[in-house]
Amino acid sequence: MATMSMNKAIHGAVRRDLRRFLEATASFSDGDTKRAAALGCAWDNFDTQLTHHHEGEHEIAWPAMLALGITQAQLDGFDAEHDTMSQALGKARLAMAAFRRSGAKADADAVHTAVSDLQSVTETHLGHEEDAVEQLMLDKADDPIIKDMGRKFSKVSPAVGGVFFNWVRDGATADELAAIERDIPKPVLAIIGGVFGRSYRKNIAPVWA
């Protein structure tokens, strides 16, 4: 049995990228425009993945959680936290846009501050969400409601899926990989990531190598 849900494995990828951006901007050398552009490319992926995750939760996961016993008040609280995260994400997005243009240490510092704020509110939300739904998702992993939720989340283009699975597995722990592979067999992951996730392997993974 997997020791965590796919949802928590995705949270692990969000947490890793936030740490990576903080480490990269803290050690950034003034004027390294090539590194700034690479970090900007990695940011575009992170921004997209986090935004899609939250949109998918609201549209797909929350109705499933409601059907399994999570209260509407809890879900409303999660959405309010999503709004707070969206505001912090927007500020970090603007800071990153200036930084990737300039390659200046001062702008890297501004990104660091904005991402630190984003990390704080994100960690608060992820903790609240995991406290409320993680054990439920594990206990109900074979429930038709959870299975249907998974099918709905999987309805994306191969290109989107390939990048997503390469991102979520990049630097994942053994428990996170087990959670992913519980739902998606390794051969399927190899095909999706190998054929359709080339852009992540080429443009983003090297940023964190």
N, C-alpha and C. Protein backbone atom coordinates (compact mmCIF):
# COMPACT_ATOMS: atom_id res chain seq x y z
N MET A 1 0.84 -1.20 0.00
CA MET A 1 0.00 0.00 0.00
C MET A 1 0.87 1.25 0.00
N ALA A 2 0.51 2.22 -0.83
CA ALA A 2 1.22 3.49 -0.85
C ALA A 2 1.07 4.19 0.48
N THR A 3 2.12 4.87 0.91
CA THR A 3 2.08 5.57 2.20
C THR A 3 1.59 7.00 2.07
N MET A 4 1.31 7.43 0.85
CA MET A 4 0.74 8.77 0.65
C MET A 4 -0.10 8.75 -0.62
N SER A 5 -0.93 9.74 -0.76
CA SER A 5 -1.76 9.86 -1.95
C SER A 5 -1.00 10.55 -3.07
N MET A 6 -1.52 10.45 -4.28
CA MET A 6 -0.98 11.20 -5.40
C MET A 6 -1.01 12.69 -5.10
N ASN A 7 -2.06 13.13 -4.43
CA ASN A 7 -2.19 14.55 -4.09
C ASN A 7 -1.00 15.03 -3.27
N LYS A 8 -0.61 14.23 -2.27
CA LYS A 8 0.52 14.64 -1.43
C LYS A 8 1.82 14.57 -2.21
N ALA A 9 1.93 13.63 -3.15
CA ALA A 9 3.12 13.58 -3.99
C ALA A 9 3.24 14.84 -4.84
N ILE A 10 2.11 15.34 -5.33
CA ILE A 10 2.12 16.61 -6.08
C ILE A 10 2.54 17.75 -5.17
N HIS A 11 2.03 17.74 -3.95
CA HIS A 11 2.44 18.76 -2.98
C HIS A 11 3.96 18.72 -2.77
N GLY A 12 4.53 17.51 -2.80
CA GLY A 12 5.97 17.39 -2.65
C GLY A 12 6.71 18.10 -3.77
N ALA A 13 6.19 18.01 -4.99
CA ALA A 13 6.82 18.70 -6.12
C ALA A 13 6.73 20.21 -5.96
N VAL A 14 5.59 20.69 -5.46
CA VAL A 14 5.43 22.13 -5.22
C VAL A 14 6.45 22.59 -4.18
N ARG A 15 6.55 21.84 -3.10
CA ARG A 15 7.49 22.21 -2.03
C ARG A 15 8.93 22.20 -2.54
N ARG A 16 9.30 21.21 -3.35
CA ARG A 16 10.66 21.14 -3.88
C ARG A 16 10.99 22.35 -4.73
N ASP A 17 10.07 22.70 -5.63
CA ASP A 17 10.36 23.84 -6.50
C ASP A 17 10.49 25.14 -5.70
N LEU A 18 9.65 25.33 -4.71
CA LEU A 18 9.78 26.54 -3.90
C LEU A 18 11.14 26.59 -3.22
N ARG A 19 11.59 25.47 -2.67
CA ARG A 19 12.93 25.44 -2.06
C ARG A 19 14.01 25.71 -3.10
N ARG A 20 13.85 25.14 -4.28
CA ARG A 20 14.84 25.34 -5.33
C ARG A 20 14.96 26.80 -5.73
N PHE A 21 13.83 27.48 -5.89
CA PHE A 21 13.88 28.90 -6.24
C PHE A 21 14.53 29.73 -5.14
N LEU A 22 14.22 29.39 -3.89
CA LEU A 22 14.83 30.12 -2.78
C LEU A 22 16.34 29.91 -2.76
N GLU A 23 16.78 28.68 -2.95
CA GLU A 23 18.22 28.40 -2.95
C GLU A 23 18.91 29.07 -4.13
N ALA A 24 18.26 29.02 -5.30
CA ALA A 24 18.87 29.58 -6.51
C ALA A 24 19.00 31.10 -6.43
N THR A 25 17.97 31.76 -5.91
CA THR A 25 18.04 33.23 -5.83
C THR A 25 18.96 33.68 -4.69
N ALA A 26 19.08 32.89 -3.63
CA ALA A 26 19.98 33.25 -2.54
C ALA A 26 21.44 33.21 -2.98
N SER A 27 21.77 32.30 -3.90
CA SER A 27 23.17 32.14 -4.34
C SER A 27 23.43 32.79 -5.70
N PHE A 28 22.49 33.56 -6.20
CA PHE A 28 22.60 34.10 -7.56
C PHE A 28 23.73 35.13 -7.66
N SER A 29 24.48 35.05 -8.77
CA SER A 29 25.58 35.99 -9.03
C SER A 29 25.08 37.12 -9.92
N ASP A 30 25.32 38.33 -9.53
CA ASP A 30 24.84 39.50 -10.26
C ASP A 30 25.30 39.46 -11.71
N GLY A 31 24.36 39.68 -12.62
CA GLY A 31 24.68 39.76 -14.04
C GLY A 31 24.65 38.45 -14.79
N ASP A 32 24.32 37.36 -14.11
CA ASP A 32 24.28 36.06 -14.79
C ASP A 32 22.94 35.92 -15.52
N THR A 33 22.87 36.55 -16.67
CA THR A 33 21.60 36.60 -17.41
C THR A 33 21.18 35.23 -17.93
N LYS A 34 22.14 34.37 -18.22
CA LYS A 34 21.81 33.01 -18.68
C LYS A 34 21.09 32.23 -17.58
N ARG A 35 21.60 32.33 -16.36
CA ARG A 35 20.97 31.65 -15.23
C ARG A 35 19.60 32.26 -14.94
N ALA A 36 19.49 33.56 -15.03
CA ALA A 36 18.20 34.22 -14.79
C ALA A 36 17.15 33.75 -15.79
N ALA A 37 17.55 33.63 -17.06
CA ALA A 37 16.61 33.16 -18.08
C ALA A 37 16.20 31.72 -17.83
N ALA A 38 17.15 30.88 -17.40
CA ALA A 38 16.84 29.48 -17.11
C ALA A 38 15.88 29.38 -15.93
N LEU A 39 16.11 30.17 -14.90
CA LEU A 39 15.20 30.17 -13.76
C LEU A 39 13.82 30.69 -14.16
N GLY A 40 13.78 31.63 -15.09
CA GLY A 40 12.50 32.10 -15.59
C GLY A 40 11.74 31.02 -16.31
N CYS A 41 12.44 30.18 -17.07
CA CYS A 41 11.81 29.06 -17.76
C CYS A 41 11.26 28.06 -16.76
N ALA A 42 12.03 27.75 -15.73
CA ALA A 42 11.56 26.83 -14.68
C ALA A 42 10.36 27.42 -13.95
N TRP A 43 10.38 28.73 -13.77
CA TRP A 43 9.25 29.38 -13.11
C TRP A 43 7.97 29.24 -13.92
N ASP A 44 8.07 29.41 -15.23
CA ASP A 44 6.88 29.28 -16.08
C ASP A 44 6.22 27.92 -15.86
N ASN A 45 7.03 26.87 -15.77
CA ASN A 45 6.47 25.54 -15.54
C ASN A 45 5.83 25.46 -14.15
N PHE A 46 6.54 25.93 -13.13
CA PHE A 46 6.00 25.88 -11.77
C PHE A 46 4.69 26.64 -11.67
N ASP A 47 4.66 27.83 -12.22
CA ASP A 47 3.47 28.67 -12.20
C ASP A 47 2.30 27.93 -12.85
N THR A 48 2.56 27.31 -14.00
CA THR A 48 1.51 26.57 -14.70
C THR A 48 1.04 25.37 -13.89
N GLN A 49 1.98 24.60 -13.35
CA GLN A 49 1.61 23.40 -12.60
C GLN A 49 0.80 23.74 -11.35
N LEU A 50 1.21 24.76 -10.62
CA LEU A 50 0.50 25.12 -9.39
C LEU A 50 -0.90 25.65 -9.72
N THR A 51 -0.99 26.47 -10.75
CA THR A 51 -2.28 27.02 -11.15
C THR A 51 -3.23 25.92 -11.59
N HIS A 52 -2.74 25.00 -12.42
CA HIS A 52 -3.59 23.90 -12.89
C HIS A 52 -4.01 22.99 -11.73
N HIS A 53 -3.11 22.79 -10.78
CA HIS A 53 -3.44 21.95 -9.63
C HIS A 53 -4.60 22.55 -8.84
N HIS A 54 -4.54 23.83 -8.61
CA HIS A 54 -5.60 24.48 -7.83
C HIS A 54 -6.92 24.53 -8.60
N GLU A 55 -6.84 24.80 -9.88
CA GLU A 55 -8.06 24.80 -10.68
C GLU A 55 -8.70 23.41 -10.69
N GLY A 56 -7.85 22.38 -10.81
CA GLY A 56 -8.35 21.02 -10.82
C GLY A 56 -8.96 20.62 -9.49
N GLU A 57 -8.36 21.09 -8.41
CA GLU A 57 -8.94 20.79 -7.10
C GLU A 57 -10.34 21.38 -6.99
N HIS A 58 -10.48 22.62 -7.38
CA HIS A 58 -11.78 23.28 -7.26
C HIS A 58 -12.83 22.61 -8.13
N GLU A 59 -12.45 22.26 -9.35
CA GLU A 59 -13.42 21.73 -10.31
C GLU A 59 -13.68 20.23 -10.14
N ILE A 60 -12.65 19.47 -9.75
CA ILE A 60 -12.76 18.01 -9.73
C ILE A 60 -12.65 17.43 -8.33
N ALA A 61 -11.61 17.84 -7.59
CA ALA A 61 -11.36 17.20 -6.30
C ALA A 61 -12.38 17.59 -5.24
N TRP A 62 -12.74 18.87 -5.19
CA TRP A 62 -13.65 19.30 -4.11
C TRP A 62 -15.01 18.59 -4.18
N PRO A 63 -15.63 18.44 -5.35
CA PRO A 63 -16.90 17.69 -5.37
C PRO A 63 -16.73 16.25 -4.88
N ALA A 64 -15.60 15.63 -5.22
CA ALA A 64 -15.35 14.27 -4.75
C ALA A 64 -15.17 14.24 -3.24
N MET A 65 -14.41 15.21 -2.71
CA MET A 65 -14.20 15.26 -1.26
C MET A 65 -15.51 15.51 -0.52
N LEU A 66 -16.36 16.34 -1.10
CA LEU A 66 -17.66 16.62 -0.49
C LEU A 66 -18.49 15.34 -0.43
N ALA A 67 -18.44 14.56 -1.50
CA ALA A 67 -19.19 13.29 -1.54
C ALA A 67 -18.65 12.28 -0.53
N LEU A 68 -17.38 12.43 -0.15
CA LEU A 68 -16.77 11.49 0.80
C LEU A 68 -16.84 11.98 2.24
N GLY A 69 -17.42 13.16 2.46
CA GLY A 69 -17.65 13.59 3.83
C GLY A 69 -16.94 14.84 4.29
N ILE A 70 -16.06 15.42 3.45
CA ILE A 70 -15.46 16.70 3.80
C ILE A 70 -16.54 17.76 3.73
N THR A 71 -16.58 18.67 4.70
CA THR A 71 -17.67 19.64 4.75
C THR A 71 -17.45 20.78 3.76
N GLN A 72 -18.55 21.42 3.39
CA GLN A 72 -18.45 22.58 2.50
C GLN A 72 -17.67 23.70 3.17
N ALA A 73 -17.80 23.83 4.49
CA ALA A 73 -17.05 24.87 5.20
C ALA A 73 -15.55 24.65 5.06
N GLN A 74 -15.11 23.38 5.14
CA GLN A 74 -13.69 23.10 4.96
C GLN A 74 -13.24 23.45 3.55
N LEU A 75 -14.05 23.09 2.57
CA LEU A 75 -13.70 23.39 1.19
C LEU A 75 -13.67 24.89 0.92
N ASP A 76 -14.59 25.61 1.52
CA ASP A 76 -14.59 27.08 1.39
C ASP A 76 -13.31 27.65 1.98
N GLY A 77 -12.87 27.06 3.09
CA GLY A 77 -11.63 27.51 3.70
C GLY A 77 -10.44 27.25 2.80
N PHE A 78 -10.43 26.08 2.14
CA PHE A 78 -9.35 25.78 1.20
C PHE A 78 -9.34 26.77 0.03
N ASP A 79 -10.53 27.10 -0.47
CA ASP A 79 -10.60 28.05 -1.58
C ASP A 79 -10.12 29.43 -1.16
N ALA A 80 -10.42 29.82 0.07
CA ALA A 80 -9.93 31.11 0.57
C ALA A 80 -8.40 31.09 0.64
N GLU A 81 -7.84 29.97 1.05
CA GLU A 81 -6.38 29.86 1.08
C GLU A 81 -5.81 29.86 -0.33
N HIS A 82 -6.51 29.25 -1.26
CA HIS A 82 -6.08 29.31 -2.66
C HIS A 82 -6.03 30.76 -3.15
N ASP A 83 -7.01 31.55 -2.74
CA ASP A 83 -7.03 32.96 -3.14
C ASP A 83 -5.81 33.69 -2.59
N THR A 84 -5.48 33.42 -1.34
CA THR A 84 -4.30 34.03 -0.73
C THR A 84 -3.03 33.60 -1.46
N MET A 85 -2.96 32.32 -1.80
CA MET A 85 -1.80 31.82 -2.55
C MET A 85 -1.74 32.45 -3.94
N SER A 86 -2.88 32.64 -4.58
CA SER A 86 -2.92 33.23 -5.91
C SER A 86 -2.37 34.65 -5.89
N GLN A 87 -2.70 35.39 -4.85
CA GLN A 87 -2.18 36.75 -4.72
C GLN A 87 -0.66 36.74 -4.54
N ALA A 88 -0.17 35.83 -3.71
CA ALA A 88 1.28 35.72 -3.49
C ALA A 88 1.97 35.24 -4.76
N LEU A 89 1.33 34.33 -5.48
CA LEU A 89 1.89 33.83 -6.74
C LEU A 89 1.99 34.96 -7.75
N GLY A 90 0.97 35.81 -7.81
CA GLY A 90 1.00 36.94 -8.73
C GLY A 90 2.15 37.89 -8.44
N LYS A 91 2.42 38.15 -7.17
CA LYS A 91 3.53 39.03 -6.79
C LYS A 91 4.87 38.40 -7.16
N ALA A 92 4.98 37.09 -6.93
CA ALA A 92 6.22 36.41 -7.30
C ALA A 92 6.40 36.39 -8.82
N ARG A 93 5.30 36.25 -9.54
CA ARG A 93 5.34 36.25 -11.00
C ARG A 93 5.90 37.57 -11.53
N LEU A 94 5.44 38.67 -10.96
CA LEU A 94 5.92 39.99 -11.38
C LEU A 94 7.39 40.16 -11.05
N ALA A 95 7.79 39.71 -9.87
CA ALA A 95 9.20 39.82 -9.47
C ALA A 95 10.08 38.98 -10.40
N MET A 96 9.61 37.79 -10.75
CA MET A 96 10.38 36.93 -11.64
C MET A 96 10.50 37.55 -13.04
N ALA A 97 9.46 38.19 -13.51
CA ALA A 97 9.49 38.82 -14.83
C ALA A 97 10.59 39.88 -14.90
N ALA A 98 10.70 40.69 -13.84
CA ALA A 98 11.74 41.72 -13.81
C ALA A 98 13.13 41.09 -13.72
N PHE A 99 13.24 40.05 -12.92
CA PHE A 99 14.54 39.39 -12.72
C PHE A 99 15.05 38.73 -14.00
N ARG A 100 14.18 38.04 -14.71
CA ARG A 100 14.64 37.32 -15.89
C ARG A 100 15.05 38.28 -17.01
N ARG A 101 14.53 39.51 -16.96
CA ARG A 101 14.94 40.52 -17.94
C ARG A 101 16.29 41.12 -17.58
N SER A 102 16.53 41.34 -16.29
CA SER A 102 17.70 42.09 -15.88
C SER A 102 18.90 41.23 -15.50
N GLY A 103 18.65 40.09 -14.89
CA GLY A 103 19.75 39.28 -14.37
C GLY A 103 20.49 39.96 -13.24
N ALA A 104 19.81 40.88 -12.56
CA ALA A 104 20.44 41.65 -11.48
C ALA A 104 20.25 40.97 -10.14
N LYS A 105 21.25 41.04 -9.30
CA LYS A 105 21.17 40.45 -7.96
C LYS A 105 20.04 41.08 -7.15
N ALA A 106 19.85 42.39 -7.32
CA ALA A 106 18.78 43.06 -6.57
C ALA A 106 17.42 42.47 -6.94
N ASP A 107 17.23 42.16 -8.21
CA ASP A 107 15.97 41.56 -8.64
C ASP A 107 15.86 40.11 -8.19
N ALA A 108 17.00 39.41 -8.13
CA ALA A 108 16.99 38.06 -7.57
C ALA A 108 16.57 38.09 -6.10
N ASP A 109 17.04 39.10 -5.39
CA ASP A 109 16.65 39.25 -3.98
C ASP A 109 15.15 39.51 -3.85
N ALA A 110 14.60 40.29 -4.79
CA ALA A 110 13.16 40.57 -4.76
C ALA A 110 12.37 39.28 -5.02
N VAL A 111 12.86 38.46 -5.95
CA VAL A 111 12.21 37.16 -6.19
C VAL A 111 12.29 36.31 -4.93
N HIS A 112 13.44 36.30 -4.30
CA HIS A 112 13.62 35.51 -3.08
C HIS A 112 12.59 35.90 -2.02
N THR A 113 12.40 37.19 -1.84
CA THR A 113 11.43 37.66 -0.85
C THR A 113 10.01 37.25 -1.23
N ALA A 114 9.67 37.42 -2.51
CA ALA A 114 8.32 37.08 -2.96
C ALA A 114 8.06 35.58 -2.87
N VAL A 115 9.05 34.77 -3.23
CA VAL A 115 8.88 33.31 -3.17
C VAL A 115 8.83 32.85 -1.72
N SER A 116 9.58 33.50 -0.85
CA SER A 116 9.52 33.17 0.58
C SER A 116 8.11 33.41 1.12
N ASP A 117 7.51 34.52 0.72
CA ASP A 117 6.13 34.80 1.13
C ASP A 117 5.17 33.75 0.56
N LEU A 118 5.38 33.40 -0.71
CA LEU A 118 4.55 32.37 -1.34
C LEU A 118 4.71 31.03 -0.64
N GLN A 119 5.94 30.69 -0.30
CA GLN A 119 6.19 29.43 0.41
C GLN A 119 5.45 29.39 1.74
N SER A 120 5.43 30.50 2.44
CA SER A 120 4.78 30.55 3.76
C SER A 120 3.29 30.26 3.65
N VAL A 121 2.60 30.96 2.75
CA VAL A 121 1.16 30.77 2.64
C VAL A 121 0.83 29.42 2.01
N THR A 122 1.71 28.95 1.12
CA THR A 122 1.50 27.65 0.49
C THR A 122 1.63 26.53 1.51
N GLU A 123 2.64 26.60 2.34
CA GLU A 123 2.84 25.57 3.35
C GLU A 123 1.69 25.52 4.33
N THR A 124 1.16 26.69 4.67
CA THR A 124 -0.01 26.73 5.56
C THR A 124 -1.18 25.99 4.92
N HIS A 125 -1.45 26.30 3.65
CA HIS A 125 -2.57 25.64 2.97
C HIS A 125 -2.35 24.15 2.80
N LEU A 126 -1.17 23.76 2.32
CA LEU A 126 -0.92 22.34 2.10
C LEU A 126 -1.06 21.54 3.39
N GLY A 127 -0.60 22.13 4.49
CA GLY A 127 -0.74 21.45 5.77
C GLY A 127 -2.19 21.26 6.17
N HIS A 128 -2.98 22.32 6.01
CA HIS A 128 -4.41 22.23 6.34
C HIS A 128 -5.11 21.19 5.46
N GLU A 129 -4.80 21.22 4.16
CA GLU A 129 -5.45 20.29 3.25
C GLU A 129 -5.07 18.85 3.56
N GLU A 130 -3.79 18.61 3.80
CA GLU A 130 -3.35 17.25 4.09
C GLU A 130 -3.93 16.74 5.41
N ASP A 131 -4.02 17.60 6.40
CA ASP A 131 -4.62 17.19 7.67
C ASP A 131 -6.06 16.74 7.47
N ALA A 132 -6.75 17.39 6.56
CA ALA A 132 -8.18 17.11 6.37
C ALA A 132 -8.46 15.94 5.45
N VAL A 133 -7.65 15.78 4.38
CA VAL A 133 -8.05 14.83 3.34
C VAL A 133 -7.07 13.69 3.10
N GLU A 134 -5.83 13.78 3.59
CA GLU A 134 -4.84 12.77 3.21
C GLU A 134 -5.24 11.36 3.65
N GLN A 135 -5.59 11.19 4.91
CA GLN A 135 -5.95 9.85 5.38
C GLN A 135 -7.22 9.35 4.70
N LEU A 136 -8.14 10.26 4.47
CA LEU A 136 -9.37 9.90 3.77
C LEU A 136 -9.06 9.37 2.37
N MET A 137 -8.16 10.03 1.66
CA MET A 137 -7.82 9.60 0.31
C MET A 137 -7.12 8.25 0.31
N LEU A 138 -6.33 7.98 1.33
CA LEU A 138 -5.68 6.68 1.43
C LEU A 138 -6.70 5.60 1.76
N ASP A 139 -7.58 5.89 2.72
CA ASP A 139 -8.57 4.91 3.13
C ASP A 139 -9.55 4.58 2.00
N LYS A 140 -9.83 5.57 1.16
CA LYS A 140 -10.82 5.41 0.10
C LYS A 140 -10.18 5.29 -1.28
N ALA A 141 -8.93 4.85 -1.32
CA ALA A 141 -8.19 4.82 -2.58
C ALA A 141 -8.90 4.00 -3.65
N ASP A 142 -9.62 2.96 -3.25
CA ASP A 142 -10.30 2.11 -4.23
C ASP A 142 -11.78 2.42 -4.35
N ASP A 143 -12.22 3.48 -3.73
CA ASP A 143 -13.62 3.87 -3.81
C ASP A 143 -13.93 4.38 -5.22
N PRO A 144 -15.09 4.08 -5.77
CA PRO A 144 -15.43 4.57 -7.11
C PRO A 144 -15.35 6.09 -7.25
N ILE A 145 -15.62 6.81 -6.17
CA ILE A 145 -15.55 8.27 -6.23
C ILE A 145 -14.12 8.72 -6.49
N ILE A 146 -13.16 8.10 -5.80
CA ILE A 146 -11.75 8.44 -6.00
C ILE A 146 -11.29 8.00 -7.39
N LYS A 147 -11.73 6.82 -7.82
CA LYS A 147 -11.36 6.34 -9.14
C LYS A 147 -11.87 7.29 -10.23
N ASP A 148 -13.11 7.76 -10.06
CA ASP A 148 -13.69 8.68 -11.04
C ASP A 148 -12.93 10.00 -11.04
N MET A 149 -12.55 10.46 -9.85
CA MET A 149 -11.77 11.69 -9.75
C MET A 149 -10.46 11.55 -10.51
N GLY A 150 -9.79 10.41 -10.34
CA GLY A 150 -8.54 10.18 -11.05
C GLY A 150 -8.71 10.19 -12.55
N ARG A 151 -9.80 9.58 -13.03
CA ARG A 151 -10.06 9.58 -14.48
C ARG A 151 -10.26 10.99 -15.00
N LYS A 152 -10.95 11.81 -14.23
CA LYS A 152 -11.18 13.19 -14.67
C LYS A 152 -9.87 13.98 -14.72
N PHE A 153 -9.02 13.78 -13.73
CA PHE A 153 -7.73 14.47 -13.73
C PHE A 153 -6.85 14.02 -14.90
N SER A 154 -7.04 12.79 -15.34
CA SER A 154 -6.18 12.25 -16.40
C SER A 154 -6.58 12.72 -17.79
N LYS A 155 -7.68 13.43 -17.91
CA LYS A 155 -8.15 13.87 -19.22
C LYS A 155 -7.43 15.14 -19.66
N VAL A 156 -6.15 14.97 -19.96
CA VAL A 156 -5.32 16.06 -20.47
C VAL A 156 -4.60 15.55 -21.70
N SER A 157 -4.02 16.45 -22.46
CA SER A 157 -3.27 16.04 -23.65
C SER A 157 -2.01 15.29 -23.22
N PRO A 158 -1.49 14.40 -24.08
CA PRO A 158 -0.25 13.70 -23.74
C PRO A 158 0.90 14.65 -23.44
N ALA A 159 0.97 15.78 -24.15
CA ALA A 159 2.06 16.72 -23.92
C ALA A 159 1.98 17.31 -22.51
N VAL A 160 0.77 17.68 -22.10
CA VAL A 160 0.58 18.22 -20.76
C VAL A 160 0.90 17.15 -19.72
N GLY A 161 0.41 15.92 -19.95
CA GLY A 161 0.68 14.85 -19.02
C GLY A 161 2.15 14.49 -18.93
N GLY A 162 2.84 14.50 -20.06
CA GLY A 162 4.26 14.18 -20.05
C GLY A 162 5.08 15.15 -19.24
N VAL A 163 4.82 16.43 -19.42
CA VAL A 163 5.54 17.44 -18.64
C VAL A 163 5.18 17.32 -17.16
N PHE A 164 3.89 17.14 -16.87
CA PHE A 164 3.46 17.02 -15.48
C PHE A 164 4.16 15.87 -14.76
N PHE A 165 4.15 14.69 -15.36
CA PHE A 165 4.73 13.54 -14.67
C PHE A 165 6.25 13.64 -14.57
N ASN A 166 6.90 14.23 -15.54
CA ASN A 166 8.34 14.45 -15.39
C ASN A 166 8.62 15.45 -14.28
N TRP A 167 7.80 16.48 -14.18
CA TRP A 167 7.96 17.47 -13.11
C TRP A 167 7.73 16.85 -11.74
N VAL A 168 6.64 16.12 -11.57
CA VAL A 168 6.27 15.63 -10.25
C VAL A 168 7.24 14.54 -9.78
N ARG A 169 7.94 13.87 -10.71
CA ARG A 169 8.90 12.83 -10.33
C ARG A 169 10.32 13.36 -10.18
N ASP A 170 10.58 14.57 -10.63
CA ASP A 170 11.94 15.13 -10.61
C ASP A 170 12.35 15.44 -9.16
N GLY A 171 13.18 14.58 -8.60
CA GLY A 171 13.61 14.77 -7.21
C GLY A 171 12.66 14.18 -6.19
N ALA A 172 11.67 13.41 -6.63
CA ALA A 172 10.68 12.84 -5.70
C ALA A 172 11.32 11.82 -4.77
N THR A 173 10.76 11.70 -3.58
CA THR A 173 11.21 10.68 -2.63
C THR A 173 10.67 9.31 -3.06
N ALA A 174 11.17 8.26 -2.41
CA ALA A 174 10.70 6.91 -2.71
C ALA A 174 9.20 6.79 -2.43
N ASP A 175 8.73 7.39 -1.34
CA ASP A 175 7.30 7.32 -1.01
C ASP A 175 6.46 8.07 -2.04
N GLU A 176 6.96 9.20 -2.52
CA GLU A 176 6.23 9.96 -3.53
C GLU A 176 6.16 9.19 -4.84
N LEU A 177 7.27 8.58 -5.22
CA LEU A 177 7.26 7.77 -6.45
C LEU A 177 6.31 6.59 -6.32
N ALA A 178 6.28 5.97 -5.14
CA ALA A 178 5.36 4.84 -4.93
C ALA A 178 3.91 5.28 -5.06
N ALA A 179 3.60 6.49 -4.57
CA ALA A 179 2.24 7.00 -4.67
C ALA A 179 1.85 7.24 -6.12
N ILE A 180 2.78 7.77 -6.90
CA ILE A 180 2.52 8.02 -8.32
C ILE A 180 2.34 6.69 -9.06
N GLU A 181 3.24 5.75 -8.79
CA GLU A 181 3.23 4.48 -9.52
C GLU A 181 2.09 3.57 -9.08
N ARG A 182 1.46 3.89 -7.95
CA ARG A 182 0.28 3.12 -7.55
C ARG A 182 -0.85 3.31 -8.57
N ASP A 183 -0.94 4.53 -9.09
CA ASP A 183 -2.02 4.86 -10.02
C ASP A 183 -1.59 4.78 -11.48
N ILE A 184 -0.31 5.02 -11.75
CA ILE A 184 0.18 5.04 -13.13
C ILE A 184 1.33 4.05 -13.24
N PRO A 185 1.16 2.95 -13.95
CA PRO A 185 2.23 1.94 -14.05
C PRO A 185 3.52 2.53 -14.63
N LYS A 186 4.65 1.97 -14.18
CA LYS A 186 5.94 2.47 -14.64
C LYS A 186 6.08 2.50 -16.16
N PRO A 187 5.65 1.45 -16.89
CA PRO A 187 5.79 1.50 -18.36
C PRO A 187 5.02 2.67 -18.98
N VAL A 188 3.86 2.96 -18.42
CA VAL A 188 3.08 4.09 -18.94
C VAL A 188 3.79 5.40 -18.64
N LEU A 189 4.33 5.52 -17.42
CA LEU A 189 5.08 6.73 -17.07
C LEU A 189 6.29 6.91 -17.98
N ALA A 190 6.95 5.79 -18.29
CA ALA A 190 8.13 5.85 -19.15
C ALA A 190 7.77 6.37 -20.54
N ILE A 191 6.65 5.90 -21.05
CA ILE A 191 6.22 6.34 -22.39
C ILE A 191 5.79 7.80 -22.36
N ILE A 192 4.93 8.14 -21.39
CA ILE A 192 4.44 9.52 -21.32
C ILE A 192 5.58 10.50 -21.12
N GLY A 193 6.44 10.19 -20.14
CA GLY A 193 7.54 11.11 -19.86
C GLY A 193 8.60 11.10 -20.93
N GLY A 194 8.85 9.91 -21.50
CA GLY A 194 9.91 9.81 -22.49
C GLY A 194 9.55 10.43 -23.83
N VAL A 195 8.32 10.22 -24.25
CA VAL A 195 7.90 10.71 -25.57
C VAL A 195 7.34 12.12 -25.50
N PHE A 196 6.48 12.36 -24.50
CA PHE A 196 5.75 13.63 -24.47
C PHE A 196 6.30 14.63 -23.45
N GLY A 197 7.26 14.21 -22.63
CA GLY A 197 7.80 15.12 -21.62
C GLY A 197 9.17 15.63 -21.95
N ARG A 198 9.52 15.61 -23.25
CA ARG A 198 10.86 16.03 -23.65
C ARG A 198 11.16 17.47 -23.26
N SER A 199 10.18 18.33 -23.38
CA SER A 199 10.44 19.75 -23.10
C SER A 199 10.86 19.96 -21.65
N TYR A 200 10.28 19.17 -20.73
CA TYR A 200 10.71 19.29 -19.33
C TYR A 200 12.15 18.82 -19.18
N ARG A 201 12.46 17.66 -19.77
CA ARG A 201 13.81 17.10 -19.65
C ARG A 201 14.85 18.04 -20.27
N LYS A 202 14.49 18.68 -21.37
CA LYS A 202 15.44 19.53 -22.09
C LYS A 202 15.59 20.91 -21.46
N ASN A 203 14.47 21.51 -21.04
CA ASN A 203 14.51 22.92 -20.66
C ASN A 203 14.44 23.20 -19.17
N ILE A 204 13.92 22.26 -18.39
CA ILE A 204 13.68 22.55 -16.97
C ILE A 204 14.52 21.70 -16.04
N ALA A 205 14.54 20.40 -16.26
CA ALA A 205 15.33 19.53 -15.38
C ALA A 205 16.79 20.00 -15.25
N PRO A 206 17.44 20.44 -16.36
CA PRO A 206 18.85 20.89 -16.22
C PRO A 206 19.01 22.10 -15.31
N VAL A 207 17.97 22.90 -15.15
CA VAL A 207 18.05 24.07 -14.27
C VAL A 207 18.32 23.64 -12.83
N TRP A 208 17.80 22.46 -12.46
CA TRP A 208 17.93 21.98 -11.08
C TRP A 208 18.98 20.90 -10.93
N ALA A 209 19.67 20.57 -12.03
CA ALA A 209 20.68 19.49 -11.96
C ALA A 209 21.87 19.89 -11.09
